[in-house]
Amino acid sequence: PEPGIGWRKELRLTLGSRPLLLILTVHFLNAFAFGGLAATFIFFTDAYLQLEHRGSILLFLTFVGGALAVPFWTWLARRMGKPKGMVVMCGALVAMLLLTFLVPFAGKFGLTALYTLVLGAGFMGLIFIYGMIADFAPVDAEKCGRDRTAFLFALGNLVQKAGNAAALALAYALLDWFGFDPAQ
């Protein structure tokens, strides 16, 4: 065994695997999308939906909706497969986000709370990415000659954190650039 962790070798193996790079790219983009929504959600509920000081409760409900939806997304992944399930998840999320501008949610906490639960359930489809990493781990082990499952999941978590951080940075920079003032 080589001394130390062998980061150069790990990096070379990771960058040389196109399927792994695709999985990590999708993982980053999903985290970026959810991070952007989460970063602006409280401002959105307070300013646009006129539900002052209830944004934190609604953001919490996205996580509750997500937790309740895990059995559904697991069933869908087994029934349709992960790639088709992700297409369904993305289509559902786009429809829900467009619905935000069509339904008069302003001032209606109950309707907004229900919508927020469903939105959180849609975003929980992000668990497909972890399933894809688990599916790829045996292929990676065959190519590398050793099991790197823990490394792959750690790399996935790192990419997810980078996606969330990038979304926060961009969302707040854009809000500032457009002159958004949460007090107004």
N, C-alpha and C. Protein backbone atom coordinates (compact mmCIF):
# COMPACT_ATOMS: atom_id res chain seq x y z
N PRO A 1 0.83 -1.21 0.00
CA PRO A 1 0.00 0.00 0.00
C PRO A 1 0.86 1.25 0.00
N GLU A 2 0.38 2.25 -0.71
CA GLU A 2 1.13 3.50 -0.75
C GLU A 2 0.93 4.25 0.56
N PRO A 3 1.94 5.03 0.96
CA PRO A 3 1.81 5.77 2.22
C PRO A 3 0.76 6.86 2.10
N GLY A 4 0.10 7.15 3.21
CA GLY A 4 -0.91 8.20 3.23
C GLY A 4 -2.21 7.74 2.59
N ILE A 5 -3.01 8.69 2.23
CA ILE A 5 -4.34 8.40 1.68
C ILE A 5 -4.26 8.11 0.18
N GLY A 6 -3.33 8.69 -0.50
CA GLY A 6 -3.23 8.49 -1.94
C GLY A 6 -4.21 9.34 -2.72
N TRP A 7 -4.28 10.62 -2.38
CA TRP A 7 -5.26 11.52 -2.99
C TRP A 7 -5.10 11.64 -4.50
N ARG A 8 -3.85 11.65 -4.96
CA ARG A 8 -3.64 11.79 -6.41
C ARG A 8 -4.26 10.63 -7.16
N LYS A 9 -4.05 9.45 -6.64
CA LYS A 9 -4.61 8.26 -7.29
C LYS A 9 -6.14 8.29 -7.23
N GLU A 10 -6.68 8.65 -6.08
CA GLU A 10 -8.14 8.72 -5.94
C GLU A 10 -8.72 9.76 -6.88
N LEU A 11 -8.07 10.89 -6.97
CA LEU A 11 -8.54 11.96 -7.85
C LEU A 11 -8.46 11.53 -9.31
N ARG A 12 -7.38 10.87 -9.68
CA ARG A 12 -7.22 10.39 -11.06
C ARG A 12 -8.30 9.36 -11.39
N LEU A 13 -8.58 8.45 -10.48
CA LEU A 13 -9.62 7.44 -10.71
C LEU A 13 -11.00 8.09 -10.82
N THR A 14 -11.24 9.08 -9.97
CA THR A 14 -12.55 9.75 -9.97
C THR A 14 -12.74 10.56 -11.25
N LEU A 15 -11.75 11.35 -11.62
CA LEU A 15 -11.88 12.17 -12.82
C LEU A 15 -11.87 11.34 -14.10
N GLY A 16 -11.38 10.13 -14.04
CA GLY A 16 -11.36 9.25 -15.21
C GLY A 16 -12.64 8.46 -15.39
N SER A 17 -13.59 8.62 -14.49
CA SER A 17 -14.84 7.86 -14.56
C SER A 17 -15.98 8.77 -14.99
N ARG A 18 -16.34 8.70 -16.24
CA ARG A 18 -17.42 9.54 -16.77
C ARG A 18 -18.76 9.32 -16.07
N PRO A 19 -19.17 8.04 -15.82
CA PRO A 19 -20.45 7.86 -15.11
C PRO A 19 -20.45 8.49 -13.72
N LEU A 20 -19.33 8.38 -13.01
CA LEU A 20 -19.26 8.98 -11.68
C LEU A 20 -19.33 10.50 -11.78
N LEU A 21 -18.66 11.07 -12.75
CA LEU A 21 -18.72 12.53 -12.93
C LEU A 21 -20.14 12.99 -13.27
N LEU A 22 -20.86 12.20 -14.05
CA LEU A 22 -22.26 12.54 -14.36
C LEU A 22 -23.12 12.50 -13.10
N ILE A 23 -22.93 11.45 -12.29
CA ILE A 23 -23.69 11.35 -11.04
C ILE A 23 -23.38 12.53 -10.13
N LEU A 24 -22.11 12.87 -10.00
CA LEU A 24 -21.73 13.99 -9.14
C LEU A 24 -22.23 15.32 -9.68
N THR A 25 -22.27 15.47 -11.01
CA THR A 25 -22.80 16.71 -11.60
C THR A 25 -24.29 16.84 -11.30
N VAL A 26 -25.03 15.77 -11.46
CA VAL A 26 -26.47 15.81 -11.16
C VAL A 26 -26.67 16.07 -9.67
N HIS A 27 -25.83 15.48 -8.84
CA HIS A 27 -25.91 15.69 -7.39
C HIS A 27 -25.69 17.17 -7.06
N PHE A 28 -24.70 17.78 -7.70
CA PHE A 28 -24.42 19.20 -7.50
C PHE A 28 -25.61 20.05 -7.94
N LEU A 29 -26.15 19.77 -9.12
CA LEU A 29 -27.26 20.57 -9.64
C LEU A 29 -28.52 20.44 -8.79
N ASN A 30 -28.81 19.23 -8.30
CA ASN A 30 -29.96 19.05 -7.42
C ASN A 30 -29.77 19.82 -6.12
N ALA A 31 -28.58 19.75 -5.55
CA ALA A 31 -28.31 20.50 -4.33
C ALA A 31 -28.39 22.00 -4.59
N PHE A 32 -27.91 22.43 -5.75
CA PHE A 32 -27.97 23.84 -6.13
C PHE A 32 -29.42 24.30 -6.22
N ALA A 33 -30.27 23.49 -6.84
CA ALA A 33 -31.68 23.86 -6.99
C ALA A 33 -32.36 23.96 -5.64
N PHE A 34 -32.17 22.96 -4.79
CA PHE A 34 -32.83 22.99 -3.48
C PHE A 34 -32.22 24.08 -2.60
N GLY A 35 -30.92 24.28 -2.69
CA GLY A 35 -30.27 25.33 -1.91
C GLY A 35 -30.77 26.71 -2.29
N GLY A 36 -30.98 26.94 -3.59
CA GLY A 36 -31.51 28.23 -4.03
C GLY A 36 -32.92 28.47 -3.52
N LEU A 37 -33.73 27.42 -3.55
CA LEU A 37 -35.09 27.54 -3.02
C LEU A 37 -35.06 27.80 -1.52
N ALA A 38 -34.27 27.02 -0.80
CA ALA A 38 -34.22 27.18 0.64
C ALA A 38 -33.66 28.54 1.05
N ALA A 39 -32.68 29.04 0.28
CA ALA A 39 -32.05 30.32 0.61
C ALA A 39 -33.01 31.48 0.48
N THR A 40 -33.93 31.39 -0.43
CA THR A 40 -34.83 32.51 -0.68
C THR A 40 -36.25 32.27 -0.16
N PHE A 41 -36.51 31.09 0.36
CA PHE A 41 -37.88 30.72 0.71
C PHE A 41 -38.50 31.63 1.77
N ILE A 42 -37.74 31.91 2.81
CA ILE A 42 -38.30 32.74 3.88
C ILE A 42 -38.61 34.14 3.38
N PHE A 43 -37.71 34.70 2.56
CA PHE A 43 -37.97 36.02 2.00
C PHE A 43 -39.19 35.98 1.07
N PHE A 44 -39.29 34.89 0.30
CA PHE A 44 -40.39 34.73 -0.63
C PHE A 44 -41.73 34.68 0.10
N THR A 45 -41.78 33.90 1.19
CA THR A 45 -43.05 33.79 1.91
C THR A 45 -43.41 35.10 2.60
N ASP A 46 -42.41 35.77 3.13
CA ASP A 46 -42.71 37.03 3.82
C ASP A 46 -43.10 38.14 2.85
N ALA A 47 -42.34 38.29 1.77
CA ALA A 47 -42.55 39.42 0.86
C ALA A 47 -43.63 39.15 -0.18
N TYR A 48 -43.54 38.02 -0.88
CA TYR A 48 -44.45 37.76 -1.99
C TYR A 48 -45.77 37.17 -1.52
N LEU A 49 -45.70 36.19 -0.62
CA LEU A 49 -46.94 35.54 -0.17
C LEU A 49 -47.61 36.28 0.98
N GLN A 50 -46.96 37.29 1.50
CA GLN A 50 -47.51 38.10 2.59
C GLN A 50 -47.89 37.25 3.79
N LEU A 51 -47.03 36.30 4.11
CA LEU A 51 -47.24 35.45 5.29
C LEU A 51 -46.13 35.77 6.29
N GLU A 52 -46.19 36.95 6.82
CA GLU A 52 -45.12 37.47 7.65
C GLU A 52 -44.80 36.54 8.82
N HIS A 53 -43.52 36.32 9.00
CA HIS A 53 -42.96 35.56 10.11
C HIS A 53 -43.42 34.10 10.14
N ARG A 54 -43.91 33.58 9.05
CA ARG A 54 -44.27 32.17 8.98
C ARG A 54 -43.36 31.40 8.02
N GLY A 55 -42.40 32.09 7.44
CA GLY A 55 -41.50 31.45 6.49
C GLY A 55 -40.71 30.31 7.09
N SER A 56 -40.29 30.45 8.34
CA SER A 56 -39.52 29.39 8.98
C SER A 56 -40.38 28.14 9.17
N ILE A 57 -41.62 28.32 9.53
CA ILE A 57 -42.53 27.18 9.69
C ILE A 57 -42.73 26.49 8.34
N LEU A 58 -42.91 27.28 7.29
CA LEU A 58 -43.11 26.70 5.97
C LEU A 58 -41.86 25.99 5.48
N LEU A 59 -40.69 26.56 5.74
CA LEU A 59 -39.45 25.89 5.36
C LEU A 59 -39.32 24.56 6.09
N PHE A 60 -39.69 24.53 7.37
CA PHE A 60 -39.68 23.28 8.13
C PHE A 60 -40.64 22.26 7.50
N LEU A 61 -41.77 22.73 7.01
CA LEU A 61 -42.75 21.82 6.39
C LEU A 61 -42.20 21.19 5.11
N THR A 62 -41.26 21.85 4.42
CA THR A 62 -40.66 21.20 3.25
C THR A 62 -39.91 19.95 3.67
N PHE A 63 -39.26 20.00 4.83
CA PHE A 63 -38.54 18.83 5.32
C PHE A 63 -39.50 17.74 5.80
N VAL A 64 -40.60 18.14 6.42
CA VAL A 64 -41.62 17.18 6.84
C VAL A 64 -42.21 16.48 5.62
N GLY A 65 -42.55 17.25 4.60
CA GLY A 65 -43.08 16.67 3.36
C GLY A 65 -42.09 15.72 2.73
N GLY A 66 -40.83 16.08 2.76
CA GLY A 66 -39.79 15.21 2.23
C GLY A 66 -39.70 13.91 2.99
N ALA A 67 -39.74 13.97 4.30
CA ALA A 67 -39.65 12.76 5.12
C ALA A 67 -40.85 11.84 4.86
N LEU A 68 -42.02 12.43 4.70
CA LEU A 68 -43.22 11.63 4.44
C LEU A 68 -43.19 10.99 3.05
N ALA A 69 -42.45 11.59 2.12
CA ALA A 69 -42.44 11.11 0.74
C ALA A 69 -41.40 10.04 0.45
N VAL A 70 -40.50 9.77 1.38
CA VAL A 70 -39.44 8.79 1.13
C VAL A 70 -40.00 7.44 0.69
N PRO A 71 -41.04 6.88 1.34
CA PRO A 71 -41.57 5.59 0.86
C PRO A 71 -42.08 5.65 -0.58
N PHE A 72 -42.71 6.76 -0.96
CA PHE A 72 -43.20 6.88 -2.33
C PHE A 72 -42.05 6.88 -3.33
N TRP A 73 -41.01 7.67 -3.08
CA TRP A 73 -39.90 7.75 -4.02
C TRP A 73 -39.14 6.43 -4.08
N THR A 74 -39.06 5.73 -2.96
CA THR A 74 -38.41 4.41 -2.96
C THR A 74 -39.23 3.44 -3.81
N TRP A 75 -40.54 3.47 -3.64
CA TRP A 75 -41.41 2.60 -4.44
C TRP A 75 -41.28 2.93 -5.93
N LEU A 76 -41.26 4.23 -6.25
CA LEU A 76 -41.16 4.65 -7.64
C LEU A 76 -39.82 4.22 -8.26
N ALA A 77 -38.75 4.32 -7.49
CA ALA A 77 -37.43 3.90 -7.98
C ALA A 77 -37.42 2.41 -8.28
N ARG A 78 -38.08 1.62 -7.45
CA ARG A 78 -38.14 0.18 -7.69
C ARG A 78 -39.04 -0.15 -8.87
N ARG A 79 -40.07 0.62 -9.04
CA ARG A 79 -41.05 0.35 -10.11
C ARG A 79 -40.55 0.82 -11.48
N MET A 80 -40.01 2.03 -11.54
CA MET A 80 -39.63 2.63 -12.82
C MET A 80 -38.12 2.62 -13.08
N GLY A 81 -37.34 2.48 -12.04
CA GLY A 81 -35.91 2.65 -12.16
C GLY A 81 -35.54 4.07 -11.77
N LYS A 82 -34.32 4.25 -11.34
CA LYS A 82 -33.90 5.56 -10.84
C LYS A 82 -33.87 6.64 -11.92
N PRO A 83 -33.33 6.38 -13.11
CA PRO A 83 -33.32 7.47 -14.12
C PRO A 83 -34.72 7.96 -14.49
N LYS A 84 -35.65 7.05 -14.72
CA LYS A 84 -37.02 7.48 -15.07
C LYS A 84 -37.69 8.13 -13.87
N GLY A 85 -37.40 7.63 -12.68
CA GLY A 85 -37.96 8.24 -11.47
C GLY A 85 -37.47 9.67 -11.30
N MET A 86 -36.19 9.90 -11.63
CA MET A 86 -35.66 11.27 -11.55
C MET A 86 -36.33 12.19 -12.56
N VAL A 87 -36.65 11.67 -13.73
CA VAL A 87 -37.35 12.48 -14.73
C VAL A 87 -38.73 12.86 -14.19
N VAL A 88 -39.41 11.92 -13.56
CA VAL A 88 -40.72 12.21 -12.97
C VAL A 88 -40.56 13.26 -11.87
N MET A 89 -39.54 13.10 -11.02
CA MET A 89 -39.31 14.06 -9.95
C MET A 89 -39.06 15.46 -10.52
N CYS A 90 -38.20 15.56 -11.51
CA CYS A 90 -37.89 16.88 -12.10
C CYS A 90 -39.12 17.50 -12.75
N GLY A 91 -39.89 16.70 -13.47
CA GLY A 91 -41.13 17.21 -14.07
C GLY A 91 -42.11 17.70 -13.02
N ALA A 92 -42.24 16.94 -11.93
CA ALA A 92 -43.15 17.34 -10.85
C ALA A 92 -42.68 18.63 -10.19
N LEU A 93 -41.38 18.77 -9.99
CA LEU A 93 -40.86 19.99 -9.37
C LEU A 93 -41.06 21.21 -10.27
N VAL A 94 -40.82 21.06 -11.54
CA VAL A 94 -41.04 22.18 -12.46
C VAL A 94 -42.51 22.58 -12.44
N ALA A 95 -43.40 21.61 -12.49
CA ALA A 95 -44.84 21.91 -12.44
C ALA A 95 -45.21 22.61 -11.14
N MET A 96 -44.67 22.13 -10.02
CA MET A 96 -45.00 22.76 -8.73
C MET A 96 -44.46 24.18 -8.63
N LEU A 97 -43.25 24.38 -9.13
CA LEU A 97 -42.68 25.73 -9.06
C LEU A 97 -43.43 26.69 -9.98
N LEU A 98 -43.88 26.22 -11.13
CA LEU A 98 -44.70 27.07 -12.01
C LEU A 98 -46.06 27.35 -11.37
N LEU A 99 -46.58 26.36 -10.65
CA LEU A 99 -47.86 26.52 -9.97
C LEU A 99 -47.80 27.66 -8.95
N THR A 100 -46.62 27.90 -8.41
CA THR A 100 -46.45 28.97 -7.43
C THR A 100 -46.94 30.30 -7.98
N PHE A 101 -46.72 30.53 -9.28
CA PHE A 101 -47.09 31.82 -9.86
C PHE A 101 -48.51 31.84 -10.40
N LEU A 102 -49.17 30.68 -10.45
CA LEU A 102 -50.52 30.62 -10.99
C LEU A 102 -51.60 30.60 -9.92
N VAL A 103 -51.29 30.04 -8.77
CA VAL A 103 -52.29 29.92 -7.69
C VAL A 103 -52.13 31.12 -6.76
N PRO A 104 -53.25 31.73 -6.38
CA PRO A 104 -53.17 32.89 -5.48
C PRO A 104 -52.92 32.46 -4.03
N PHE A 105 -51.65 32.23 -3.69
CA PHE A 105 -51.28 31.79 -2.35
C PHE A 105 -51.22 32.95 -1.35
N ALA A 106 -51.13 34.17 -1.83
CA ALA A 106 -50.89 35.32 -0.97
C ALA A 106 -51.91 35.39 0.16
N GLY A 107 -51.38 35.41 1.38
CA GLY A 107 -52.22 35.54 2.56
C GLY A 107 -52.92 34.28 3.00
N LYS A 108 -52.75 33.17 2.31
CA LYS A 108 -53.46 31.93 2.63
C LYS A 108 -52.48 30.91 3.22
N PHE A 109 -52.36 30.90 4.53
CA PHE A 109 -51.36 30.06 5.18
C PHE A 109 -51.67 28.58 5.00
N GLY A 110 -52.89 28.16 5.15
CA GLY A 110 -53.25 26.74 5.03
C GLY A 110 -52.92 26.17 3.65
N LEU A 111 -53.32 26.88 2.61
CA LEU A 111 -53.04 26.45 1.25
C LEU A 111 -51.53 26.44 0.98
N THR A 112 -50.85 27.45 1.47
CA THR A 112 -49.40 27.52 1.29
C THR A 112 -48.70 26.42 2.06
N ALA A 113 -49.19 26.09 3.25
CA ALA A 113 -48.59 25.00 4.04
C ALA A 113 -48.74 23.67 3.31
N LEU A 114 -49.90 23.42 2.73
CA LEU A 114 -50.12 22.19 1.97
C LEU A 114 -49.20 22.14 0.75
N TYR A 115 -49.11 23.25 0.05
CA TYR A 115 -48.23 23.33 -1.11
C TYR A 115 -46.78 23.07 -0.70
N THR A 116 -46.38 23.63 0.42
CA THR A 116 -45.00 23.48 0.90
C THR A 116 -44.71 22.03 1.25
N LEU A 117 -45.65 21.33 1.84
CA LEU A 117 -45.48 19.90 2.12
C LEU A 117 -45.25 19.13 0.82
N VAL A 118 -46.05 19.43 -0.19
CA VAL A 118 -45.94 18.74 -1.48
C VAL A 118 -44.61 19.10 -2.16
N LEU A 119 -44.21 20.34 -2.06
CA LEU A 119 -42.94 20.76 -2.64
C LEU A 119 -41.77 20.03 -1.98
N GLY A 120 -41.80 19.92 -0.67
CA GLY A 120 -40.77 19.17 0.05
C GLY A 120 -40.77 17.71 -0.35
N ALA A 121 -41.96 17.16 -0.57
CA ALA A 121 -42.05 15.76 -1.03
C ALA A 121 -41.41 15.61 -2.40
N GLY A 122 -41.60 16.59 -3.26
CA GLY A 122 -40.98 16.54 -4.58
C GLY A 122 -39.47 16.59 -4.50
N PHE A 123 -38.95 17.45 -3.66
CA PHE A 123 -37.50 17.57 -3.54
C PHE A 123 -36.86 16.34 -2.88
N MET A 124 -37.64 15.56 -2.16
CA MET A 124 -37.06 14.37 -1.54
C MET A 124 -36.69 13.33 -2.59
N GLY A 125 -37.14 13.52 -3.80
CA GLY A 125 -36.70 12.64 -4.88
C GLY A 125 -35.20 12.70 -5.10
N LEU A 126 -34.53 13.64 -4.42
CA LEU A 126 -33.08 13.73 -4.50
C LEU A 126 -32.40 12.47 -3.96
N ILE A 127 -33.15 11.64 -3.23
CA ILE A 127 -32.54 10.40 -2.72
C ILE A 127 -32.15 9.47 -3.86
N PHE A 128 -32.67 9.71 -5.06
CA PHE A 128 -32.27 8.89 -6.20
C PHE A 128 -30.76 8.95 -6.43
N ILE A 129 -30.18 10.11 -6.16
CA ILE A 129 -28.75 10.28 -6.37
C ILE A 129 -27.96 9.33 -5.48
N TYR A 130 -28.36 9.23 -4.23
CA TYR A 130 -27.66 8.31 -3.32
C TYR A 130 -27.81 6.87 -3.78
N GLY A 131 -28.98 6.55 -4.31
CA GLY A 131 -29.18 5.21 -4.86
C GLY A 131 -28.30 4.95 -6.06
N MET A 132 -28.10 5.98 -6.87
CA MET A 132 -27.23 5.82 -8.05
C MET A 132 -25.77 5.64 -7.63
N ILE A 133 -25.36 6.34 -6.57
CA ILE A 133 -24.00 6.13 -6.06
C ILE A 133 -23.86 4.70 -5.56
N ALA A 134 -24.86 4.21 -4.86
CA ALA A 134 -24.81 2.83 -4.37
C ALA A 134 -24.78 1.83 -5.52
N ASP A 135 -25.51 2.12 -6.58
CA ASP A 135 -25.49 1.24 -7.76
C ASP A 135 -24.14 1.27 -8.47
N PHE A 136 -23.50 2.41 -8.45
CA PHE A 136 -22.22 2.56 -9.14
C PHE A 136 -21.05 1.98 -8.34
N ALA A 137 -21.18 1.88 -7.03
CA ALA A 137 -20.07 1.44 -6.18
C ALA A 137 -19.47 0.09 -6.60
N PRO A 138 -20.27 -0.94 -6.93
CA PRO A 138 -19.65 -2.20 -7.37
C PRO A 138 -18.88 -2.06 -8.69
N VAL A 139 -19.38 -1.24 -9.60
CA VAL A 139 -18.68 -0.99 -10.86
C VAL A 139 -17.36 -0.30 -10.57
N ASP A 140 -17.39 0.68 -9.69
CA ASP A 140 -16.17 1.39 -9.32
C ASP A 140 -15.18 0.44 -8.65
N ALA A 141 -15.67 -0.44 -7.79
CA ALA A 141 -14.78 -1.40 -7.12
C ALA A 141 -14.12 -2.34 -8.12
N GLU A 142 -14.86 -2.71 -9.14
CA GLU A 142 -14.30 -3.58 -10.18
C GLU A 142 -13.20 -2.86 -10.96
N LYS A 143 -13.44 -1.58 -11.26
CA LYS A 143 -12.44 -0.81 -12.00
C LYS A 143 -11.20 -0.51 -11.15
N CYS A 144 -11.40 -0.20 -9.89
CA CYS A 144 -10.30 0.23 -9.02
C CYS A 144 -9.59 -0.94 -8.35
N GLY A 145 -10.26 -2.05 -8.22
CA GLY A 145 -9.66 -3.18 -7.52
C GLY A 145 -9.86 -3.14 -6.02
N ARG A 146 -10.65 -2.17 -5.55
CA ARG A 146 -10.96 -2.08 -4.11
C ARG A 146 -12.30 -1.36 -3.94
N ASP A 147 -12.87 -1.51 -2.77
CA ASP A 147 -14.16 -0.91 -2.47
C ASP A 147 -13.96 0.53 -2.00
N ARG A 148 -14.52 1.48 -2.76
CA ARG A 148 -14.43 2.90 -2.41
C ARG A 148 -15.80 3.47 -2.07
N THR A 149 -16.71 2.64 -1.60
CA THR A 149 -18.09 3.09 -1.36
C THR A 149 -18.13 4.26 -0.39
N ALA A 150 -17.41 4.17 0.71
CA ALA A 150 -17.42 5.27 1.68
C ALA A 150 -16.88 6.55 1.05
N PHE A 151 -15.83 6.42 0.26
CA PHE A 151 -15.26 7.57 -0.44
C PHE A 151 -16.28 8.18 -1.40
N LEU A 152 -17.00 7.33 -2.14
CA LEU A 152 -17.98 7.83 -3.10
C LEU A 152 -19.11 8.59 -2.40
N PHE A 153 -19.59 8.05 -1.29
CA PHE A 153 -20.65 8.75 -0.56
C PHE A 153 -20.13 10.04 0.07
N ALA A 154 -18.89 10.03 0.57
CA ALA A 154 -18.30 11.25 1.11
C ALA A 154 -18.14 12.29 0.01
N LEU A 155 -17.72 11.84 -1.17
CA LEU A 155 -17.59 12.75 -2.30
C LEU A 155 -18.95 13.31 -2.70
N GLY A 156 -19.97 12.46 -2.69
CA GLY A 156 -21.33 12.93 -2.98
C GLY A 156 -21.79 13.98 -1.98
N ASN A 157 -21.50 13.76 -0.69
CA ASN A 157 -21.87 14.75 0.32
C ASN A 157 -21.10 16.04 0.14
N LEU A 158 -19.83 15.94 -0.23
CA LEU A 158 -19.03 17.14 -0.48
C LEU A 158 -19.59 17.93 -1.65
N VAL A 159 -19.95 17.24 -2.72
CA VAL A 159 -20.52 17.90 -3.89
C VAL A 159 -21.86 18.54 -3.54
N GLN A 160 -22.65 17.86 -2.71
CA GLN A 160 -23.93 18.42 -2.28
C GLN A 160 -23.71 19.70 -1.47
N LYS A 161 -22.76 19.69 -0.57
CA LYS A 161 -22.48 20.89 0.22
C LYS A 161 -22.00 22.03 -0.68
N ALA A 162 -21.18 21.71 -1.67
CA ALA A 162 -20.72 22.73 -2.62
C ALA A 162 -21.89 23.30 -3.41
N GLY A 163 -22.84 22.45 -3.82
CA GLY A 163 -24.02 22.92 -4.54
C GLY A 163 -24.87 23.84 -3.69
N ASN A 164 -25.07 23.47 -2.43
CA ASN A 164 -25.84 24.33 -1.52
C ASN A 164 -25.14 25.65 -1.28
N ALA A 165 -23.83 25.61 -1.08
CA ALA A 165 -23.08 26.84 -0.83
C ALA A 165 -23.11 27.75 -2.05
N ALA A 166 -22.95 27.18 -3.23
CA ALA A 166 -23.01 27.98 -4.45
C ALA A 166 -24.39 28.61 -4.63
N ALA A 167 -25.43 27.85 -4.31
CA ALA A 167 -26.79 28.38 -4.42
C ALA A 167 -27.01 29.53 -3.45
N LEU A 168 -26.54 29.39 -2.22
CA LEU A 168 -26.68 30.46 -1.24
C LEU A 168 -25.95 31.72 -1.71
N ALA A 169 -24.72 31.53 -2.15
CA ALA A 169 -23.92 32.67 -2.60
C ALA A 169 -24.59 33.38 -3.77
N LEU A 170 -25.03 32.62 -4.76
CA LEU A 170 -25.65 33.22 -5.93
C LEU A 170 -26.99 33.86 -5.60
N ALA A 171 -27.81 33.16 -4.79
CA ALA A 171 -29.13 33.69 -4.45
C ALA A 171 -29.02 35.01 -3.70
N TYR A 172 -28.14 35.06 -2.71
CA TYR A 172 -28.01 36.30 -1.94
C TYR A 172 -27.35 37.41 -2.75
N ALA A 173 -26.43 37.05 -3.62
CA ALA A 173 -25.81 38.06 -4.49
C ALA A 173 -26.86 38.64 -5.44
N LEU A 174 -27.70 37.78 -6.01
CA LEU A 174 -28.75 38.27 -6.92
C LEU A 174 -29.78 39.10 -6.18
N LEU A 175 -30.18 38.67 -4.98
CA LEU A 175 -31.13 39.46 -4.19
C LEU A 175 -30.56 40.84 -3.91
N ASP A 176 -29.29 40.89 -3.55
CA ASP A 176 -28.64 42.17 -3.28
C ASP A 176 -28.54 43.01 -4.55
N TRP A 177 -28.19 42.38 -5.66
CA TRP A 177 -28.03 43.09 -6.92
C TRP A 177 -29.36 43.72 -7.37
N PHE A 178 -30.47 42.99 -7.13
CA PHE A 178 -31.78 43.52 -7.52
C PHE A 178 -32.32 44.49 -6.47
N GLY A 179 -31.58 44.70 -5.40
CA GLY A 179 -32.01 45.66 -4.40
C GLY A 179 -33.06 45.14 -3.44
N PHE A 180 -33.13 43.84 -3.26
CA PHE A 180 -34.13 43.27 -2.37
C PHE A 180 -33.78 43.63 -0.93
N ASP A 181 -34.77 44.16 -0.24
CA ASP A 181 -34.61 44.50 1.18
C ASP A 181 -35.70 43.77 1.94
N PRO A 182 -35.35 42.79 2.78
CA PRO A 182 -36.37 42.02 3.48
C PRO A 182 -37.24 42.87 4.39
N ALA A 183 -36.76 44.03 4.81
CA ALA A 183 -37.56 44.90 5.67
C ALA A 183 -38.61 45.66 4.87
N GLN A 184 -38.48 45.73 3.56
CA GLN A 184 -39.43 46.47 2.73
C GLN A 184 -40.35 45.51 2.01
